[in-house]
N, C-alpha and C. Protein backbone atom coordinates (compact mmCIF):
# COMPACT_ATOMS: atom_id res chain seq x y z
N UNK A 1 165.65 79.38 100.24
CA UNK A 1 166.98 78.45 99.99
C UNK A 1 167.61 78.79 98.50
N UNK A 2 169.04 79.42 98.45
CA UNK A 2 169.94 79.47 97.38
C UNK A 2 170.45 78.13 96.86
N UNK A 3 170.63 77.59 96.06
CA UNK A 3 171.55 76.30 95.50
C UNK A 3 172.74 77.05 95.48
N UNK A 4 173.73 76.19 95.83
CA UNK A 4 174.84 76.58 95.91
C UNK A 4 175.99 76.11 94.61
N UNK A 5 176.65 77.24 94.20
CA UNK A 5 176.90 77.27 92.88
C UNK A 5 176.10 77.04 91.63
N UNK A 6 176.52 77.33 90.20
CA UNK A 6 175.61 77.21 89.03
C UNK A 6 175.43 75.75 88.97
N UNK A 7 174.00 75.12 88.44
CA UNK A 7 174.58 73.99 88.13
C UNK A 7 174.78 73.44 86.81
N UNK A 8 174.94 74.39 86.07
CA UNK A 8 175.74 74.23 85.01
C UNK A 8 177.39 74.20 85.17
N UNK A 9 177.82 74.06 86.69
CA UNK A 9 178.96 73.67 86.85
C UNK A 9 179.40 72.42 87.59
N UNK A 10 178.37 71.80 87.80
CA UNK A 10 177.93 70.71 87.58
C UNK A 10 178.77 69.19 87.17
N UNK A 11 179.93 68.22 87.73
CA UNK A 11 180.87 67.96 87.05
C UNK A 11 180.38 66.14 86.84
N UNK A 12 180.36 65.49 85.97
CA UNK A 12 179.80 64.40 86.10
C UNK A 12 180.94 63.29 86.12
N UNK A 13 180.87 62.96 86.55
CA UNK A 13 182.08 61.38 86.51
C UNK A 13 181.54 60.20 85.87
N UNK A 14 181.85 60.55 84.72
CA UNK A 14 181.56 59.02 83.61
C UNK A 14 181.55 57.69 83.89
N UNK A 15 182.47 57.62 84.37
CA UNK A 15 182.87 55.83 85.11
C UNK A 15 182.13 55.64 85.66
N UNK A 16 181.71 56.08 87.10
CA UNK A 16 180.68 55.92 88.06
C UNK A 16 179.52 55.89 87.26
N UNK A 17 179.32 56.62 86.43
CA UNK A 17 177.47 56.82 85.60
C UNK A 17 177.28 55.84 85.12
N UNK A 18 178.36 55.24 84.22
CA UNK A 18 178.43 54.22 83.34
C UNK A 18 178.31 52.79 84.41
N UNK A 19 179.33 52.84 85.38
CA UNK A 19 178.12 51.74 86.09
C UNK A 19 177.01 51.30 86.81
N UNK A 20 177.08 52.78 87.48
CA UNK A 20 175.19 52.96 87.83
C UNK A 20 174.87 52.18 86.65
N UNK A 21 174.76 52.42 85.61
CA UNK A 21 173.62 51.91 84.35
C UNK A 21 173.78 50.68 83.93
N UNK A 22 175.03 50.14 84.19
CA UNK A 22 175.45 48.64 84.27
C UNK A 22 175.07 47.82 85.14
N UNK A 23 175.39 48.55 86.78
CA UNK A 23 174.84 47.78 87.64
C UNK A 23 173.13 47.89 87.42
N UNK A 24 172.29 48.92 86.98
CA UNK A 24 170.77 48.82 86.95
C UNK A 24 170.33 47.64 85.62
N UNK A 25 171.16 47.28 84.45
CA UNK A 25 170.87 46.52 84.00
C UNK A 25 171.14 45.39 83.97
N UNK A 26 172.30 45.25 85.37
CA UNK A 26 172.56 43.68 85.88
C UNK A 26 171.28 42.98 86.41
N UNK A 27 170.57 44.02 87.57
CA UNK A 27 169.37 44.04 88.59
C UNK A 27 168.55 43.91 87.62
N UNK A 28 168.32 44.20 86.97
CA UNK A 28 167.05 44.02 86.16
C UNK A 28 167.02 42.50 85.46
N UNK A 29 168.21 42.36 84.88
CA UNK A 29 168.71 40.92 84.30
C UNK A 29 168.09 39.79 85.11
N UNK A 30 168.91 39.97 85.97
CA UNK A 30 168.82 38.99 87.73
C UNK A 30 167.15 38.56 87.96
N UNK A 31 166.52 40.32 88.06
CA UNK A 31 165.56 40.19 88.34
C UNK A 31 164.48 39.32 87.72
N UNK A 32 164.68 38.94 86.15
CA UNK A 32 163.97 38.40 85.03
C UNK A 32 164.19 36.90 85.05
N UNK A 33 165.60 36.55 85.71
CA UNK A 33 166.09 35.23 85.44
C UNK A 33 165.71 35.01 86.95
N UNK A 34 165.56 35.51 88.32
CA UNK A 34 164.46 34.98 89.45
C UNK A 34 163.22 34.83 88.68
N UNK A 35 162.66 35.82 88.20
CA UNK A 35 161.03 35.32 88.01
C UNK A 35 160.84 34.26 87.23
N UNK A 36 162.07 33.95 86.45
CA UNK A 36 161.70 32.98 85.16
C UNK A 36 161.95 31.58 85.69
N UNK A 37 162.74 31.91 86.82
CA UNK A 37 163.09 30.19 87.51
C UNK A 37 162.00 30.25 88.36
N UNK A 38 161.33 31.03 89.29
CA UNK A 38 160.14 31.05 89.94
C UNK A 38 158.52 30.70 89.55
N UNK A 39 158.82 30.48 88.10
CA UNK A 39 157.80 29.67 87.31
C UNK A 39 157.82 28.57 87.17
N UNK A 40 159.50 27.88 87.45
CA UNK A 40 159.62 26.25 87.17
C UNK A 40 159.51 25.45 88.25
N UNK A 41 160.30 26.36 89.67
CA UNK A 41 159.98 25.99 90.84
C UNK A 41 160.49 27.40 91.97
N UNK A 42 159.70 27.14 93.09
CA UNK A 42 159.85 28.34 93.96
C UNK A 42 161.26 27.55 94.65
N UNK A 43 161.22 26.98 95.15
CA UNK A 43 162.51 27.10 96.03
C UNK A 43 163.77 26.99 95.22
N UNK A 44 163.99 26.43 94.14
CA UNK A 44 165.29 26.38 93.19
C UNK A 44 164.84 28.54 93.05
N UNK A 45 163.85 28.77 92.60
CA UNK A 45 164.03 30.25 92.30
C UNK A 45 164.19 31.16 93.69
N UNK A 46 163.86 30.68 94.72
CA UNK A 46 164.43 31.59 96.14
C UNK A 46 166.00 30.82 96.57
N UNK A 47 166.29 30.24 95.84
CA UNK A 47 167.76 30.03 96.53
C UNK A 47 168.56 30.16 95.67
N UNK A 48 167.82 31.10 93.81
CA UNK A 48 168.68 31.80 92.99
C UNK A 48 168.53 32.87 93.99
N UNK A 49 167.51 33.47 94.15
CA UNK A 49 167.61 34.77 94.76
C UNK A 49 168.44 35.28 95.60
N UNK A 50 168.33 34.49 96.62
CA UNK A 50 169.48 34.66 98.25
C UNK A 50 170.77 34.26 97.49
N UNK A 51 171.09 33.06 97.24
CA UNK A 51 172.52 33.38 96.50
C UNK A 51 172.92 34.33 95.17
N UNK A 52 172.22 34.36 94.04
CA UNK A 52 172.44 35.09 93.55
C UNK A 52 172.42 36.81 93.98
N UNK A 53 171.92 37.35 94.69
CA UNK A 53 171.78 38.64 95.39
C UNK A 53 173.01 38.65 96.72
N UNK A 54 173.52 37.93 97.09
CA UNK A 54 174.42 38.08 97.97
C UNK A 54 175.80 37.50 97.01
N UNK A 55 175.98 36.95 95.89
CA UNK A 55 177.18 36.73 94.51
C UNK A 55 176.87 38.11 94.38
N UNK A 56 175.99 39.05 93.33
CA UNK A 56 176.29 40.21 92.76
C UNK A 56 176.78 41.51 94.34
N UNK A 57 175.56 41.15 95.13
CA UNK A 57 176.92 42.67 96.38
C UNK A 57 177.76 42.13 96.71
N UNK A 58 178.45 41.25 96.81
CA UNK A 58 179.31 40.87 97.08
C UNK A 58 180.59 41.26 95.78
N UNK A 59 180.34 40.94 94.80
CA UNK A 59 180.90 41.13 93.74
C UNK A 59 181.22 42.98 93.08
N UNK A 60 179.59 43.33 93.65
CA UNK A 60 179.55 45.38 93.37
C UNK A 60 180.70 45.63 94.28
N UNK A 61 180.75 45.16 95.75
CA UNK A 61 181.94 45.53 96.83
C UNK A 61 183.32 45.42 96.75
N UNK A 62 183.61 44.09 95.89
CA UNK A 62 184.46 43.51 95.92
C UNK A 62 185.00 44.68 94.61
N UNK A 63 184.57 44.47 93.28
CA UNK A 63 184.77 46.31 92.38
C UNK A 63 185.14 47.51 93.06
N UNK A 64 184.59 47.60 93.68
CA UNK A 64 184.08 49.32 94.17
C UNK A 64 185.50 49.27 95.17
N UNK A 65 185.46 48.80 95.75
CA UNK A 65 186.72 48.64 96.87
C UNK A 65 188.39 48.42 96.23
N UNK A 66 188.42 47.14 95.87
CA UNK A 66 189.25 46.83 95.14
C UNK A 66 190.02 47.40 94.01
N UNK A 67 189.09 46.82 92.60
CA UNK A 67 189.31 47.29 91.50
C UNK A 67 189.41 49.03 91.09
N UNK A 68 188.31 49.61 91.59
CA UNK A 68 188.55 51.05 91.48
C UNK A 68 189.01 51.40 92.51
N UNK A 69 189.93 50.82 93.74
CA UNK A 69 190.78 51.28 95.21
C UNK A 69 190.16 52.65 95.55
N UNK A 70 188.97 52.79 95.67
CA UNK A 70 187.93 53.75 96.48
C UNK A 70 187.81 53.06 98.05
N UNK A 71 188.58 52.64 98.03
CA UNK A 71 188.25 52.47 99.81
C UNK A 71 189.62 51.24 100.35
N UNK A 72 189.32 51.57 101.81
CA UNK A 72 190.53 50.60 102.53
C UNK A 72 189.71 49.41 103.11
N UNK A 73 190.14 48.14 102.82
CA UNK A 73 189.40 47.26 103.88
C UNK A 73 190.35 46.85 104.64
N UNK A 74 191.08 47.65 105.06
CA UNK A 74 192.34 47.41 106.27
C UNK A 74 190.96 47.55 107.60
N UNK A 75 191.06 46.54 108.38
CA UNK A 75 190.57 46.66 109.54
C UNK A 75 191.02 47.85 110.54
N UNK A 76 190.20 48.80 110.86
CA UNK A 76 191.02 49.45 112.20
C UNK A 76 191.78 48.96 113.74
N UNK A 77 192.67 49.29 114.00
CA UNK A 77 193.10 48.98 115.24
C UNK A 77 193.36 49.99 116.26
N UNK A 78 192.59 49.48 117.41
CA UNK A 78 191.87 50.46 118.32
C UNK A 78 193.24 51.69 118.64
């Protein structure tokens, strides 16, 4: 199977690449915070993990759809 085109022709969108790196660092930091809180109190650690995970997920979604403007948030009407 032959690849499509020359690999040297691949264009990198640096904005999205940087976004992915920042997101990976954010999740790594979040994981360390959760582990630290779990050492103190398990219930609080679980609450931080769940609450933080939901907030980070919503934040990423809002950033991608609204700030970057890559999606349409309107509900399609049949």
